[in-house]
Structure formats: structure tokens, C-alpha cells
Amino acid sequence: MNSYIGKPLTWQNLLPKVFNRLKTILLEFWLMILKWVGLVPIHTFRKVFYFLSGINMTWTTTIHTGAEFFNPTGISIGKDTIIGKNCFLDGRGKLTIGSHTDIATDVLIYTDQHDVHSTNFTNQFAPVTIGNYVFIGPRAIVLPGVNIGRGAVIGAGAIVTKNVPEREIWAGVPAVKIGDRKIDKLDYKLGRPVLFQ
């Protein structure tokens, strides 16, 4: 039989490859549906689909319009957390976001990247954990394997490549510490979501 990416394709591995490809196509179709659902300006409507997709979240979690996902079943979001418009949440390597956390507009969070030194350009999965009371500014990017500690702040446009300790403020490309958060007791609530967003 013909080869498949340089490896001989036998009848024994043909059927598993076909089933795997069909499963991948169905997942991609569902992600397209979620993308369309994400544009509907009704929070409750979107939440139902997000629950059905396997995102582990509460009814007090808010995901604004335009959010996109990879592997929703690998995503967990705490209570009273707000995800801004047009964010990208990647659950392929497991993404955990704490409670009372505010993620601003256009934030990208990745748990998978390609190994540019690999001859097969293989994937490298690594979980991302974002603690409670974290604020991530607009257009920031969080890369695989990063832990952001409780109460930390990530500046707008930052690219986070390293772990961020609790209550530290990081900014820049790549992000570095620029200060400390001057608040000892973190116990606020973020409030209600913006309607029609």
C-alpha cells in the first residue's frame, strides 16, 4: 500500500487512521459551531453550549462574545471569573483558570505549541494554571506550561513565557516583573457581566 507521511500504510493501521480522522473532523465541526454560538449576544444561550461542550465552569462564570476554544473538555474556569471578548482558550494541554479572575479582551492562552527543533514538528503539550484574583490585560499571550499565581497582574500586550509569582505585576515582551500589587486582602467580586456582549 501507499505510504502515509513517510511511513508504510498497512490495512491494519488504515481503519484506526480513518476513525481518528473522522473524530478530528467532527471535533473541528463542533468548534466551528461553538465559534458561531460565541457570537450570539445572550450569555445564558452561550453558557448552555459551553456546558454541553464539556467546559468545567459555573453559572457565575462569564465568557463574552467571540471566544474561541481548542478542546473545551480540557478547560476549567472558576466562579465569578470573566473572560473578555475574542479570547482564545486552549484546553489541549489542560487549562485551569481560578475564581474572581478577570481576563481582558483578545487574550490568547495556549497549552500546546510545536517543537521547532523536531524533524516531525511535533506538538508539545503543557498545562497552564491561572490563579484566583488574577488580572490579564488586553491582547496578552500566555504560553504553554505557565503558572500565574494568585492576585498577579499581567500587563496589556505581554507575552508570558515563565511562571508569575503571587501578586506580582509583569509586563513586556517577554514579560518580566515590573512591580508588586499593593493589596494584601484579595476578596472582591467582579460583578455582573456586560449585557449583549
Protein backbone atom coordinates (compact mmCIF):
# COMPACT_ATOMS: atom_id res chain seq x y z
CA MET A 1 0.00 0.00 0.00
CA ASN A 2 0.97 3.67 -0.29
CA SER A 3 2.90 5.49 2.40
CA TYR A 4 1.44 7.96 4.85
CA ILE A 5 3.83 10.78 5.83
CA GLY A 6 6.84 8.61 5.05
CA LYS A 7 5.56 5.51 6.86
CA PRO A 8 4.06 2.46 5.12
CA LEU A 9 0.27 2.42 5.33
CA THR A 10 -0.98 -1.10 6.01
CA TRP A 11 -4.51 -2.45 6.21
CA GLN A 12 -4.05 -2.92 9.99
CA ASN A 13 -3.43 0.78 10.62
CA LEU A 14 -5.79 2.09 7.93
CA LEU A 15 -9.04 1.66 9.90
CA PRO A 16 -7.75 3.36 13.10
CA LYS A 17 -6.46 6.25 10.97
CA VAL A 18 -9.84 6.63 9.25
CA PHE A 19 -11.70 6.64 12.58
CA ASN A 20 -9.21 9.11 14.06
CA ARG A 21 -9.62 11.41 11.04
CA LEU A 22 -13.43 11.27 11.30
CA LYS A 23 -13.24 12.04 15.03
CA THR A 24 -10.98 15.02 14.30
CA ILE A 25 -13.35 16.33 11.61
CA LEU A 26 -16.34 16.07 13.98
CA LEU A 27 -14.42 17.94 16.69
CA GLU A 28 -13.45 20.66 14.21
CA PHE A 29 -17.10 20.92 13.12
CA TRP A 30 -18.21 21.30 16.77
CA LEU A 31 -15.56 24.01 17.32
CA MET A 32 -17.00 25.87 14.32
CA ILE A 33 -20.48 25.61 15.88
CA LEU A 34 -19.07 26.96 19.17
CA LYS A 35 -17.49 29.85 17.28
CA TRP A 36 -20.88 30.75 15.81
CA VAL A 37 -22.60 30.28 19.19
CA GLY A 38 -19.96 32.59 20.70
CA LEU A 39 -21.29 35.44 18.55
CA VAL A 40 -24.84 35.22 19.95
CA PRO A 41 -25.22 38.18 22.37
CA ILE A 42 -27.08 36.19 25.07
CA HIS A 43 -24.97 34.89 27.97
CA THR A 44 -27.33 32.09 29.05
CA PHE A 45 -27.62 30.73 25.50
CA ARG A 46 -23.83 30.55 25.13
CA LYS A 47 -23.35 29.00 28.58
CA VAL A 48 -25.63 26.08 27.71
CA PHE A 49 -23.45 25.25 24.70
CA TYR A 50 -20.26 25.72 26.71
CA PHE A 51 -21.55 23.28 29.36
CA LEU A 52 -22.54 20.80 26.62
CA SER A 53 -19.03 21.14 25.17
CA GLY A 54 -17.51 19.97 28.44
CA ILE A 55 -16.10 23.25 29.77
CA ASN A 56 -15.99 22.92 33.56
CA MET A 57 -17.48 26.24 34.73
CA THR A 58 -20.21 27.66 36.95
CA TRP A 59 -23.24 29.79 36.13
CA THR A 60 -21.40 32.78 37.64
CA THR A 61 -18.62 32.43 35.04
CA THR A 62 -18.87 34.92 32.19
CA ILE A 63 -17.46 34.35 28.71
CA HIS A 64 -18.07 37.35 26.47
CA THR A 65 -18.77 37.14 22.75
CA GLY A 66 -16.25 35.96 20.20
CA ALA A 67 -14.43 33.44 22.40
CA GLU A 68 -12.79 30.52 20.61
CA PHE A 69 -11.64 27.19 22.02
CA PHE A 70 -9.48 24.16 21.37
CA ASN A 71 -10.54 21.02 23.25
CA PRO A 72 -13.19 22.54 25.57
CA THR A 73 -13.16 19.42 27.79
CA GLY A 74 -9.67 20.40 28.98
CA ILE A 75 -10.81 23.82 30.24
CA SER A 76 -11.83 24.60 33.82
CA ILE A 77 -12.96 28.10 34.91
CA GLY A 78 -13.79 29.19 38.47
CA LYS A 79 -16.74 31.18 39.81
CA ASP A 80 -17.15 34.93 39.24
CA THR A 81 -14.47 34.85 36.53
CA ILE A 82 -14.84 36.99 33.44
CA ILE A 83 -13.35 36.08 30.06
CA GLY A 84 -13.29 39.10 27.74
CA LYS A 85 -14.37 39.41 24.12
CA ASN A 86 -12.50 37.49 21.43
CA CYS A 87 -10.32 35.45 23.80
CA PHE A 88 -8.78 32.14 22.78
CA LEU A 89 -8.71 29.35 25.37
CA ASP A 90 -6.72 26.20 24.59
CA GLY A 91 -7.63 23.06 26.55
CA ARG A 92 -5.44 20.59 24.63
CA GLY A 93 -2.83 20.52 27.40
CA LYS A 94 -5.28 21.41 30.21
CA LEU A 95 -6.17 24.97 31.14
CA THR A 96 -7.27 25.86 34.68
CA ILE A 97 -8.47 29.39 35.48
CA GLY A 98 -9.31 30.30 39.08
CA SER A 99 -12.17 32.26 40.62
CA HIS A 100 -12.64 36.07 40.59
CA THR A 101 -10.15 36.31 37.73
CA ASP A 102 -10.51 38.95 35.02
CA ILE A 103 -9.16 38.14 31.57
CA ALA A 104 -9.48 41.14 29.27
CA THR A 105 -10.29 41.35 25.55
CA ASP A 106 -8.26 39.47 22.91
CA VAL A 107 -6.17 37.42 25.37
CA LEU A 108 -4.67 34.22 23.90
CA ILE A 109 -3.89 31.30 26.21
CA TYR A 110 -2.07 28.30 24.71
CA THR A 111 -1.37 24.88 26.21
CA ASP A 112 0.18 23.43 23.04
CA GLN A 113 2.96 24.53 20.74
CA HIS A 114 5.11 22.95 18.04
CA ASP A 115 8.65 21.81 18.70
CA VAL A 116 10.54 23.79 16.04
CA HIS A 117 13.61 21.57 16.57
CA SER A 118 11.72 18.34 15.91
CA THR A 119 12.08 16.71 12.49
CA ASN A 120 8.34 15.94 12.67
CA PHE A 121 7.36 19.40 14.02
CA THR A 122 5.69 17.54 16.90
CA ASN A 123 3.35 19.04 19.47
CA GLN A 124 4.48 19.95 22.99
CA PHE A 125 1.60 19.96 25.46
CA ALA A 126 1.96 21.67 28.84
CA PRO A 127 -0.81 22.77 31.23
CA VAL A 128 -1.49 26.40 32.10
CA THR A 129 -2.79 27.36 35.54
CA ILE A 130 -4.09 30.84 36.34
CA GLY A 131 -4.87 31.52 39.99
CA ASN A 132 -7.68 33.36 41.76
CA TYR A 133 -7.93 37.18 41.57
CA VAL A 134 -5.59 37.41 38.58
CA PHE A 135 -5.94 40.21 36.04
CA ILE A 136 -4.64 39.68 32.50
CA GLY A 137 -4.65 42.82 30.34
CA PRO A 138 -5.86 43.10 26.74
CA ARG A 139 -4.00 41.26 23.98
CA ALA A 140 -1.68 39.42 26.33
CA ILE A 141 -0.45 35.95 25.32
CA VAL A 142 0.15 33.15 27.81
CA LEU A 143 2.29 30.28 26.50
CA PRO A 144 2.23 26.57 27.47
CA GLY A 145 3.49 25.45 30.86
CA VAL A 146 2.97 28.79 32.62
CA ASN A 147 1.54 29.16 36.13
CA ILE A 148 0.23 32.59 37.11
CA GLY A 149 -0.04 32.96 40.89
CA ARG A 150 -2.95 34.28 42.94
CA GLY A 151 -3.53 38.01 42.57
CA ALA A 152 -0.91 38.50 39.85
CA VAL A 153 -1.33 41.13 37.13
CA ILE A 154 -0.25 40.74 33.51
CA GLY A 155 0.06 43.97 31.52
CA ALA A 156 -1.59 44.61 28.17
CA GLY A 157 0.24 43.04 25.24
CA ALA A 158 2.59 41.00 27.42
CA ILE A 159 3.88 37.61 26.31
CA VAL A 160 4.13 35.36 29.35
CA THR A 161 6.74 32.62 28.96
CA LYS A 162 7.62 31.99 32.65
CA ASN A 163 5.78 31.37 35.90
CA VAL A 164 4.47 34.53 37.58
CA PRO A 165 4.51 34.51 41.42
CA GLU A 166 1.55 35.66 43.53
CA ARG A 167 0.64 39.37 43.49
CA GLU A 168 3.47 40.34 41.13
CA ILE A 169 2.91 42.66 38.16
CA TRP A 170 4.51 41.55 34.90
CA ALA A 171 4.63 43.28 31.51
CA GLY A 172 6.61 43.35 28.28
CA VAL A 173 7.81 41.00 25.56
CA PRO A 174 8.82 38.64 27.00
CA ALA A 175 7.06 39.54 30.24
CA VAL A 176 9.22 40.44 33.25
CA LYS A 177 8.40 41.67 36.74
CA ILE A 178 7.78 45.41 36.91
CA GLY A 179 6.24 45.68 40.39
CA ASP A 180 4.11 44.23 43.14
CA ARG A 181 0.39 44.53 43.72
CA LYS A 182 -0.21 46.82 46.69
CA ILE A 183 -3.15 44.99 48.20
CA ASP A 184 -2.98 42.45 51.00
CA LYS A 185 -6.53 41.15 51.13
CA LEU A 186 -8.00 39.86 47.90
CA ASP A 187 -11.71 39.23 48.43
CA TYR A 188 -13.55 41.31 45.84
CA LYS A 189 -16.22 40.17 43.40
CA LEU A 190 -16.14 41.19 39.75
CA GLY A 191 -19.85 41.95 39.39
CA ARG A 192 -22.35 41.29 36.67
CA PRO A 193 -21.44 40.71 33.02
CA VAL A 194 -21.99 43.37 30.39
CA LEU A 195 -25.26 42.60 28.66
CA PHE A 196 -25.33 41.76 24.94
CA GLN A 197 -21.60 41.01 24.86
